[in-house]
Amino acid sequence: MTDSIASWITLSALIGSAGWYILQTPDRQMSSLVMGFMSGVLCLFGGFLISGAVMKLTGSFDNALIPALLVCAGTASCTVAHTVYKKKKSNS
């Protein structure tokens, strides 16, 4: 189980971001739910990109937990940035 903790952390980043977008949908139509899930997946890809950039700058890590936590932090930052952007755009 300890070998797969990094995978579970990365999966939790996807579930968290997709869950956030699904909870933020104003209506519960299937198209809105799929759009929320896809937004979560795109934020996960942003988290992978941020984690990869940090790993490229600092070098590889011996522990697999550090890149998984970087993916989580990157996904959270992409989700927050996109949510702020959507709120700002809707207020304009």
PDB file of N, CA and C in Angstrom:
ATOM      1  N   MET A   1       0.823  -1.194   0.000  1.00  0.00           N
ATOM      2  CA  MET A   1       0.000   0.000   0.000  1.00  0.00           C
ATOM      3  C   MET A   1       0.865   1.255   0.000  1.00  0.00           C
ATOM      4  N   THR A   2       2.003   1.222   0.679  1.00  0.00           N
ATOM      5  CA  THR A   2       2.842   2.419   0.750  1.00  0.00           C
ATOM      6  C   THR A   2       3.467   2.763  -0.602  1.00  0.00           C
ATOM      7  N   ASP A   3       3.591   1.767  -1.483  1.00  0.00           N
ATOM      8  CA  ASP A   3       4.152   2.046  -2.799  1.00  0.00           C
ATOM      9  C   ASP A   3       3.173   2.810  -3.686  1.00  0.00           C
ATOM     10  N   SER A   4       1.898   2.675  -3.430  1.00  0.00           N
ATOM     11  CA  SER A   4       0.900   3.313  -4.289  1.00  0.00           C
ATOM     12  C   SER A   4       0.324   4.593  -3.694  1.00  0.00           C
ATOM     13  N   ILE A   5       0.908   5.073  -2.618  1.00  0.00           N
ATOM     14  CA  ILE A   5       0.389   6.304  -1.988  1.00  0.00           C
ATOM     15  C   ILE A   5       0.509   7.481  -2.939  1.00  0.00           C
ATOM     16  N   ALA A   6       1.589   7.576  -3.703  1.00  0.00           N
ATOM     17  CA  ALA A   6       1.765   8.685  -4.639  1.00  0.00           C
ATOM     18  C   ALA A   6       0.665   8.670  -5.703  1.00  0.00           C
ATOM     19  N   SER A   7       0.280   7.489  -6.163  1.00  0.00           N
ATOM     20  CA  SER A   7      -0.797   7.388  -7.143  1.00  0.00           C
ATOM     21  C   SER A   7      -2.126   7.810  -6.544  1.00  0.00           C
ATOM     22  N   TRP A   8      -2.358   7.462  -5.289  1.00  0.00           N
ATOM     23  CA  TRP A   8      -3.603   7.859  -4.631  1.00  0.00           C
ATOM     24  C   TRP A   8      -3.660   9.368  -4.415  1.00  0.00           C
ATOM     25  N   ILE A   9      -2.522   9.964  -4.120  1.00  0.00           N
ATOM     26  CA  ILE A   9      -2.487  11.417  -3.946  1.00  0.00           C
ATOM     27  C   ILE A   9      -2.778  12.115  -5.269  1.00  0.00           C
ATOM     28  N   THR A  10      -2.198  11.622  -6.352  1.00  0.00           N
ATOM     29  CA  THR A  10      -2.455  12.200  -7.670  1.00  0.00           C
ATOM     30  C   THR A  10      -3.916  12.018  -8.055  1.00  0.00           C
ATOM     31  N   LEU A  11      -4.487  10.862  -7.765  1.00  0.00           N
ATOM     32  CA  LEU A  11      -5.903  10.630  -8.055  1.00  0.00           C
ATOM     33  C   LEU A  11      -6.783  11.543  -7.220  1.00  0.00           C
ATOM     34  N   SER A  12      -6.374  11.820  -5.993  1.00  0.00           N
ATOM     35  CA  SER A  12      -7.172  12.726  -5.163  1.00  0.00           C
ATOM     36  C   SER A  12      -7.160  14.146  -5.720  1.00  0.00           C
ATOM     37  N   ALA A  13      -6.080  14.528  -6.392  1.00  0.00           N
ATOM     38  CA  ALA A  13      -6.044  15.845  -7.044  1.00  0.00           C
ATOM     39  C   ALA A  13      -7.090  15.915  -8.146  1.00  0.00           C
ATOM     40  N   LEU A  14      -7.223  14.843  -8.923  1.00  0.00           N
ATOM     41  CA  LEU A  14      -8.241  14.812  -9.971  1.00  0.00           C
ATOM     42  C   LEU A  14      -9.642  14.832  -9.384  1.00  0.00           C
ATOM     43  N   ILE A  15      -9.884  14.008  -8.381  1.00  0.00           N
ATOM     44  CA  ILE A  15     -11.209  13.931  -7.775  1.00  0.00           C
ATOM     45  C   ILE A  15     -11.572  15.257  -7.114  1.00  0.00           C
ATOM     46  N   GLY A  16     -10.608  15.886  -6.458  1.00  0.00           N
ATOM     47  CA  GLY A  16     -10.873  17.157  -5.799  1.00  0.00           C
ATOM     48  C   GLY A  16     -11.208  18.271  -6.774  1.00  0.00           C
ATOM     49  N   SER A  17     -10.420  18.385  -7.835  1.00  0.00           N
ATOM     50  CA  SER A  17     -10.680  19.467  -8.789  1.00  0.00           C
ATOM     51  C   SER A  17     -11.953  19.211  -9.583  1.00  0.00           C
ATOM     52  N   ALA A  18     -12.175  17.981 -10.000  1.00  0.00           N
ATOM     53  CA  ALA A  18     -13.413  17.671 -10.730  1.00  0.00           C
ATOM     54  C   ALA A  18     -14.628  17.838  -9.818  1.00  0.00           C
ATOM     55  N   GLY A  19     -14.498  17.427  -8.567  1.00  0.00           N
ATOM     56  CA  GLY A  19     -15.597  17.607  -7.620  1.00  0.00           C
ATOM     57  C   GLY A  19     -15.910  19.069  -7.375  1.00  0.00           C
ATOM     58  N   TRP A  20     -14.879  19.897  -7.316  1.00  0.00           N
ATOM     59  CA  TRP A  20     -15.085  21.335  -7.126  1.00  0.00           C
ATOM     60  C   TRP A  20     -15.885  21.931  -8.280  1.00  0.00           C
ATOM     61  N   TYR A  21     -15.486  21.582  -9.499  1.00  0.00           N
ATOM     62  CA  TYR A  21     -16.190  22.126 -10.663  1.00  0.00           C
ATOM     63  C   TYR A  21     -17.610  21.587 -10.774  1.00  0.00           C
ATOM     64  N   ILE A  22     -17.811  20.339 -10.411  1.00  0.00           N
ATOM     65  CA  ILE A  22     -19.165  19.769 -10.467  1.00  0.00           C
ATOM     66  C   ILE A  22     -20.056  20.436  -9.428  1.00  0.00           C
ATOM     67  N   LEU A  23     -19.510  20.729  -8.257  1.00  0.00           N
ATOM     68  CA  LEU A  23     -20.296  21.422  -7.232  1.00  0.00           C
ATOM     69  C   LEU A  23     -20.613  22.865  -7.630  1.00  0.00           C
ATOM     70  N   GLN A  24     -19.785  23.464  -8.458  1.00  0.00           N
ATOM     71  CA  GLN A  24     -19.984  24.851  -8.861  1.00  0.00           C
ATOM     72  C   GLN A  24     -20.951  25.015 -10.035  1.00  0.00           C
ATOM     73  N   THR A  25     -21.389  23.914 -10.643  1.00  0.00           N
ATOM     74  CA  THR A  25     -22.298  24.033 -11.786  1.00  0.00           C
ATOM     75  C   THR A  25     -23.668  24.509 -11.313  1.00  0.00           C
ATOM     76  N   PRO A  26     -24.237  25.488 -12.010  1.00  0.00           N
ATOM     77  CA  PRO A  26     -25.535  26.014 -11.580  1.00  0.00           C
ATOM     78  C   PRO A  26     -26.690  25.040 -11.839  1.00  0.00           C
ATOM     79  N   ASP A  27     -26.591  24.240 -12.874  1.00  0.00           N
ATOM     80  CA  ASP A  27     -27.637  23.260 -13.168  1.00  0.00           C
ATOM     81  C   ASP A  27     -27.001  21.871 -13.209  1.00  0.00           C
ATOM     82  N   ARG A  28     -27.798  20.879 -13.016  1.00  0.00           N
ATOM     83  CA  ARG A  28     -27.286  19.505 -12.947  1.00  0.00           C
ATOM     84  C   ARG A  28     -27.568  18.733 -14.236  1.00  0.00           C
ATOM     85  N   GLN A  29     -27.415  19.405 -15.370  1.00  0.00           N
ATOM     86  CA  GLN A  29     -27.564  18.710 -16.643  1.00  0.00           C
ATOM     87  C   GLN A  29     -26.285  17.941 -16.946  1.00  0.00           C
ATOM     88  N   MET A  30     -26.422  16.923 -17.786  1.00  0.00           N
ATOM     89  CA  MET A  30     -25.286  16.067 -18.085  1.00  0.00           C
ATOM     90  C   MET A  30     -24.154  16.851 -18.752  1.00  0.00           C
ATOM     91  N   SER A  31     -24.480  17.787 -19.615  1.00  0.00           N
ATOM     92  CA  SER A  31     -23.437  18.558 -20.298  1.00  0.00           C
ATOM     93  C   SER A  31     -22.653  19.416 -19.304  1.00  0.00           C
ATOM     94  N   SER A  32     -23.302  19.969 -18.314  1.00  0.00           N
ATOM     95  CA  SER A  32     -22.604  20.771 -17.300  1.00  0.00           C
ATOM     96  C   SER A  32     -21.715  19.897 -16.424  1.00  0.00           C
ATOM     97  N   LEU A  33     -22.191  18.703 -16.101  1.00  0.00           N
ATOM     98  CA  LEU A  33     -21.394  17.793 -15.285  1.00  0.00           C
ATOM     99  C   LEU A  33     -20.142  17.322 -16.028  1.00  0.00           C
ATOM    100  N   VAL A  34     -20.308  17.014 -17.318  1.00  0.00           N
ATOM    101  CA  VAL A  34     -19.154  16.583 -18.116  1.00  0.00           C
ATOM    102  C   VAL A  34     -18.175  17.739 -18.291  1.00  0.00           C
ATOM    103  N   MET A  35     -18.697  18.939 -18.485  1.00  0.00           N
ATOM    104  CA  MET A  35     -17.828  20.112 -18.615  1.00  0.00           C
ATOM    105  C   MET A  35     -17.055  20.354 -17.312  1.00  0.00           C
ATOM    106  N   GLY A  36     -17.693  20.163 -16.169  1.00  0.00           N
ATOM    107  CA  GLY A  36     -17.016  20.294 -14.892  1.00  0.00           C
ATOM    108  C   GLY A  36     -15.924  19.255 -14.719  1.00  0.00           C
ATOM    109  N   PHE A  37     -16.218  18.016 -15.124  1.00  0.00           N
ATOM    110  CA  PHE A  37     -15.221  16.952 -15.019  1.00  0.00           C
ATOM    111  C   PHE A  37     -14.038  17.221 -15.943  1.00  0.00           C
ATOM    112  N   MET A  38     -14.317  17.669 -17.152  1.00  0.00           N
ATOM    113  CA  MET A  38     -13.241  17.957 -18.103  1.00  0.00           C
ATOM    114  C   MET A  38     -12.394  19.149 -17.635  1.00  0.00           C
ATOM    115  N   SER A  39     -13.010  20.123 -16.995  1.00  0.00           N
ATOM    116  CA  SER A  39     -12.242  21.237 -16.428  1.00  0.00           C
ATOM    117  C   SER A  39     -11.308  20.730 -15.337  1.00  0.00           C
ATOM    118  N   GLY A  40     -11.781  19.779 -14.535  1.00  0.00           N
ATOM    119  CA  GLY A  40     -10.928  19.169 -13.517  1.00  0.00           C
ATOM    120  C   GLY A  40      -9.763  18.408 -14.122  1.00  0.00           C
ATOM    121  N   VAL A  41     -10.008  17.716 -15.230  1.00  0.00           N
ATOM    122  CA  VAL A  41      -8.940  16.985 -15.915  1.00  0.00           C
ATOM    123  C   VAL A  41      -7.910  17.959 -16.477  1.00  0.00           C
ATOM    124  N   LEU A  42      -8.374  19.065 -17.052  1.00  0.00           N
ATOM    125  CA  LEU A  42      -7.436  20.052 -17.582  1.00  0.00           C
ATOM    126  C   LEU A  42      -6.603  20.687 -16.473  1.00  0.00           C
ATOM    127  N   CYS A  43      -7.211  20.904 -15.314  1.00  0.00           N
ATOM    128  CA  CYS A  43      -6.437  21.417 -14.177  1.00  0.00           C
ATOM    129  C   CYS A  43      -5.424  20.381 -13.697  1.00  0.00           C
ATOM    130  N   LEU A  44      -5.764  19.102 -13.784  1.00  0.00           N
ATOM    131  CA  LEU A  44      -4.805  18.054 -13.443  1.00  0.00           C
ATOM    132  C   LEU A  44      -3.617  18.092 -14.397  1.00  0.00           C
ATOM    133  N   PHE A  45      -3.879  18.300 -15.680  1.00  0.00           N
ATOM    134  CA  PHE A  45      -2.786  18.422 -16.642  1.00  0.00           C
ATOM    135  C   PHE A  45      -1.915  19.634 -16.318  1.00  0.00           C
ATOM    136  N   GLY A  46      -2.542  20.726 -15.875  1.00  0.00           N
ATOM    137  CA  GLY A  46      -1.778  21.886 -15.423  1.00  0.00           C
ATOM    138  C   GLY A  46      -0.916  21.546 -14.225  1.00  0.00           C
ATOM    139  N   GLY A  47      -1.437  20.727 -13.318  1.00  0.00           N
ATOM    140  CA  GLY A  47      -0.659  20.274 -12.169  1.00  0.00           C
ATOM    141  C   GLY A  47       0.522  19.417 -12.589  1.00  0.00           C
ATOM    142  N   PHE A  48       0.309  18.554 -13.586  1.00  0.00           N
ATOM    143  CA  PHE A  48       1.418  17.759 -14.122  1.00  0.00           C
ATOM    144  C   PHE A  48       2.480  18.665 -14.731  1.00  0.00           C
ATOM    145  N   LEU A  49       2.025  19.695 -15.437  1.00  0.00           N
ATOM    146  CA  LEU A  49       2.957  20.621 -16.073  1.00  0.00           C
ATOM    147  C   LEU A  49       3.775  21.385 -15.035  1.00  0.00           C
ATOM    148  N   ILE A  50       3.132  21.862 -13.993  1.00  0.00           N
ATOM    149  CA  ILE A  50       3.844  22.586 -12.932  1.00  0.00           C
ATOM    150  C   ILE A  50       4.813  21.660 -12.203  1.00  0.00           C
ATOM    151  N   SER A  51       4.372  20.441 -11.918  1.00  0.00           N
ATOM    152  CA  SER A  51       5.246  19.476 -11.248  1.00  0.00           C
ATOM    153  C   SER A  51       6.447  19.131 -12.123  1.00  0.00           C
ATOM    154  N   GLY A  52       6.215  18.947 -13.402  1.00  0.00           N
ATOM    155  CA  GLY A  52       7.317  18.652 -14.316  1.00  0.00           C
ATOM    156  C   GLY A  52       8.305  19.793 -14.426  1.00  0.00           C
ATOM    157  N   ALA A  53       7.784  21.027 -14.420  1.00  0.00           N
ATOM    158  CA  ALA A  53       8.674  22.187 -14.500  1.00  0.00           C
ATOM    159  C   ALA A  53       9.527  22.305 -13.243  1.00  0.00           C
ATOM    160  N   VAL A  54       8.930  22.086 -12.087  1.00  0.00           N
ATOM    161  CA  VAL A  54       9.694  22.148 -10.837  1.00  0.00           C
ATOM    162  C   VAL A  54      10.730  21.031 -10.796  1.00  0.00           C
ATOM    163  N   MET A  55      10.358  19.843 -11.246  1.00  0.00           N
ATOM    164  CA  MET A  55      11.305  18.728 -11.256  1.00  0.00           C
ATOM    165  C   MET A  55      12.440  18.982 -12.236  1.00  0.00           C
ATOM    166  N   LYS A  56      12.138  19.638 -13.356  1.00  0.00           N
ATOM    167  CA  LYS A  56      13.184  19.943 -14.337  1.00  0.00           C
ATOM    168  C   LYS A  56      14.165  20.974 -13.777  1.00  0.00           C
ATOM    169  N   LEU A  57      13.637  21.943 -13.031  1.00  0.00           N
ATOM    170  CA  LEU A  57      14.503  22.977 -12.472  1.00  0.00           C
ATOM    171  C   LEU A  57      15.345  22.486 -11.303  1.00  0.00           C
ATOM    172  N   THR A  58      14.764  21.635 -10.462  1.00  0.00           N
ATOM    173  CA  THR A  58      15.479  21.214  -9.253  1.00  0.00           C
ATOM    174  C   THR A  58      16.164  19.861  -9.390  1.00  0.00           C
ATOM    175  N   GLY A  59      15.827  19.088 -10.376  1.00  0.00           N
ATOM    176  CA  GLY A  59      16.387  17.752 -10.528  1.00  0.00           C
ATOM    177  C   GLY A  59      15.380  16.716 -10.086  1.00  0.00           C
ATOM    178  N   SER A  60      15.710  15.463 -10.273  1.00  0.00           N
ATOM    179  CA  SER A  60      14.769  14.396  -9.924  1.00  0.00           C
ATOM    180  C   SER A  60      14.772  14.174  -8.412  1.00  0.00           C
ATOM    181  N   PHE A  61      13.679  13.601  -7.931  1.00  0.00           N
ATOM    182  CA  PHE A  61      13.521  13.329  -6.505  1.00  0.00           C
ATOM    183  C   PHE A  61      13.606  11.828  -6.268  1.00  0.00           C
ATOM    184  N   ASP A  62      14.185  11.448  -5.143  1.00  0.00           N
ATOM    185  CA  ASP A  62      14.286  10.029  -4.801  1.00  0.00           C
ATOM    186  C   ASP A  62      12.958   9.476  -4.323  1.00  0.00           C
ATOM    187  N   ASN A  63      12.187  10.296  -3.659  1.00  0.00           N
ATOM    188  CA  ASN A  63      10.909   9.875  -3.102  1.00  0.00           C
ATOM    189  C   ASN A  63       9.792  10.229  -4.088  1.00  0.00           C
ATOM    190  N   ALA A  64       8.901   9.302  -4.373  1.00  0.00           N
ATOM    191  CA  ALA A  64       7.806   9.551  -5.319  1.00  0.00           C
ATOM    192  C   ALA A  64       6.698  10.401  -4.714  1.00  0.00           C
ATOM    193  N   LEU A  65       6.734  10.603  -3.418  1.00  0.00           N
ATOM    194  CA  LEU A  65       5.700  11.387  -2.752  1.00  0.00           C
ATOM    195  C   LEU A  65       5.813  12.875  -3.078  1.00  0.00           C
ATOM    196  N   ILE A  66       7.020  13.370  -3.276  1.00  0.00           N
ATOM    197  CA  ILE A  66       7.222  14.797  -3.544  1.00  0.00           C
ATOM    198  C   ILE A  66       6.609  15.216  -4.883  1.00  0.00           C
ATOM    199  N   PRO A  67       6.848  14.505  -5.992  1.00  0.00           N
ATOM    200  CA  PRO A  67       6.175  14.905  -7.238  1.00  0.00           C
ATOM    201  C   PRO A  67       4.655  14.789  -7.157  1.00  0.00           C
ATOM    202  N   ALA A  68       4.156  13.815  -6.411  1.00  0.00           N
ATOM    203  CA  ALA A  68       2.705  13.681  -6.259  1.00  0.00           C
ATOM    204  C   ALA A  68       2.124  14.878  -5.514  1.00  0.00           C
ATOM    205  N   LEU A  69       2.819  15.327  -4.488  1.00  0.00           N
ATOM    206  CA  LEU A  69       2.368  16.518  -3.771  1.00  0.00           C
ATOM    207  C   LEU A  69       2.493  17.771  -4.631  1.00  0.00           C
ATOM    208  N   LEU A  70       3.511  17.824  -5.492  1.00  0.00           N
ATOM    209  CA  LEU A  70       3.633  18.935  -6.430  1.00  0.00           C
ATOM    210  C   LEU A  70       2.484  18.939  -7.430  1.00  0.00           C
ATOM    211  N   VAL A  71       2.067  17.754  -7.877  1.00  0.00           N
ATOM    212  CA  VAL A  71       0.911  17.666  -8.774  1.00  0.00           C
ATOM    213  C   VAL A  71      -0.340  18.165  -8.061  1.00  0.00           C
ATOM    214  N   CYS A  72      -0.503  17.775  -6.802  1.00  0.00           N
ATOM    215  CA  CYS A  72      -1.661  18.243  -6.019  1.00  0.00           C
ATOM    216  C   CYS A  72      -1.643  19.757  -5.872  1.00  0.00           C
ATOM    217  N   ALA A  73      -0.504  20.315  -5.535  1.00  0.00           N
ATOM    218  CA  ALA A  73      -0.407  21.766  -5.367  1.00  0.00           C
ATOM    219  C   ALA A  73      -0.621  22.490  -6.686  1.00  0.00           C
ATOM    220  N   GLY A  74      -0.075  21.954  -7.768  1.00  0.00           N
ATOM    221  CA  GLY A  74      -0.267  22.567  -9.080  1.00  0.00           C
ATOM    222  C   GLY A  74      -1.711  22.494  -9.546  1.00  0.00           C
ATOM    223  N   THR A  75      -2.367  21.375  -9.288  1.00  0.00           N
ATOM    224  CA  THR A  75      -3.779  21.237  -9.646  1.00  0.00           C
ATOM    225  C   THR A  75      -4.634  22.204  -8.836  1.00  0.00           C
ATOM    226  N   ALA A  76      -4.333  22.328  -7.559  1.00  0.00           N
ATOM    227  CA  ALA A  76      -5.084  23.261  -6.721  1.00  0.00           C
ATOM    228  C   ALA A  76      -4.885  24.700  -7.178  1.00  0.00           C
ATOM    229  N   SER A  77      -3.660  25.053  -7.540  1.00  0.00           N
ATOM    230  CA  SER A  77      -3.420  26.423  -7.993  1.00  0.00           C
ATOM    231  C   SER A  77      -4.101  26.694  -9.324  1.00  0.00           C
ATOM    232  N   CYS A  78      -4.120  25.726 -10.230  1.00  0.00           N
ATOM    233  CA  CYS A  78      -4.839  25.898 -11.502  1.00  0.00           C
ATOM    234  C   CYS A  78      -6.341  26.017 -11.265  1.00  0.00           C
ATOM    235  N   THR A  79      -6.874  25.229 -10.346  1.00  0.00           N
ATOM    236  CA  THR A  79      -8.298  25.279 -10.045  1.00  0.00           C
ATOM    237  C   THR A  79      -8.678  26.627  -9.443  1.00  0.00           C
ATOM    238  N   VAL A  80      -7.871  27.111  -8.508  1.00  0.00           N
ATOM    239  CA  VAL A  80      -8.153  28.406  -7.887  1.00  0.00           C
ATOM    240  C   VAL A  80      -8.042  29.529  -8.914  1.00  0.00           C
ATOM    241  N   ALA A  81      -7.009  29.490  -9.737  1.00  0.00           N
ATOM    242  CA  ALA A  81      -6.824  30.536 -10.743  1.00  0.00           C
ATOM    243  C   ALA A  81      -7.982  30.548 -11.744  1.00  0.00           C
ATOM    244  N   HIS A  82      -8.433  29.374 -12.164  1.00  0.00           N
ATOM    245  CA  HIS A  82      -9.542  29.303 -13.119  1.00  0.00           C
ATOM    246  C   HIS A  82     -10.848  29.754 -12.482  1.00  0.00           C
ATOM    247  N   THR A  83     -11.067  29.401 -11.231  1.00  0.00           N
ATOM    248  CA  THR A  83     -12.286  29.822 -10.534  1.00  0.00           C
ATOM    249  C   THR A  83     -12.315  31.336 -10.354  1.00  0.00           C
ATOM    250  N   VAL A  84     -11.176  31.924  -9.982  1.00  0.00           N
ATOM    251  CA  VAL A  84     -11.105  33.378  -9.830  1.00  0.00           C
ATOM    252  C   VAL A  84     -11.339  34.063 -11.171  1.00  0.00           C
ATOM    253  N   TYR A  85     -10.761  33.497 -12.225  1.00  0.00           N
ATOM    254  CA  TYR A  85     -10.951  34.058 -13.563  1.00  0.00           C
ATOM    255  C   TYR A  85     -12.423  34.004 -13.987  1.00  0.00           C
ATOM    256  N   LYS A  86     -13.080  32.881 -13.715  1.00  0.00           N
ATOM    257  CA  LYS A  86     -14.495  32.754 -14.089  1.00  0.00           C
ATOM    258  C   LYS A  86     -15.360  33.729 -13.302  1.00  0.00           C
ATOM    259  N   LYS A  87     -15.090  33.890 -12.005  1.00  0.00           N
ATOM    260  CA  LYS A  87     -15.858  34.827 -11.181  1.00  0.00           C
ATOM    261  C   LYS A  87     -15.642  36.264 -11.644  1.00  0.00           C
ATOM    262  N   LYS A  88     -14.395  36.599 -11.952  1.00  0.00           N
ATOM    263  CA  LYS A  88     -14.062  37.941 -12.412  1.00  0.00           C
ATOM    264  C   LYS A  88     -14.716  38.234 -13.764  1.00  0.00           C
ATOM    265  N   LYS A  89     -14.727  37.230 -14.636  1.00  0.00           N
ATOM    266  CA  LYS A  89     -15.332  37.400 -15.960  1.00  0.00           C
ATOM    267  C   LYS A  89     -16.851  37.531 -15.868  1.00  0.00           C
ATOM    268  N   SER A  90     -17.469  36.799 -14.950  1.00  0.00           N
ATOM    269  CA  SER A  90     -18.926  36.872 -14.834  1.00  0.00           C
ATOM    270  C   SER A  90     -19.386  38.174 -14.183  1.00  0.00           C
ATOM    271  N   ASN A  91     -18.538  38.792 -13.365  1.00  0.00           N
ATOM    272  CA  ASN A  91     -18.885  40.068 -12.741  1.00  0.00           C
ATOM    273  C   ASN A  91     -18.725  41.245 -13.699  1.00  0.00           C
ATOM    274  N   SER A  92     -17.946  41.072 -14.758  1.00  0.00           N
ATOM    275  CA  SER A  92     -17.733  42.170 -15.700  1.00  0.00           C
ATOM    276  C   SER A  92     -18.911  42.391 -16.616  1.00  0.00           C
TER     277      SER A  92
END
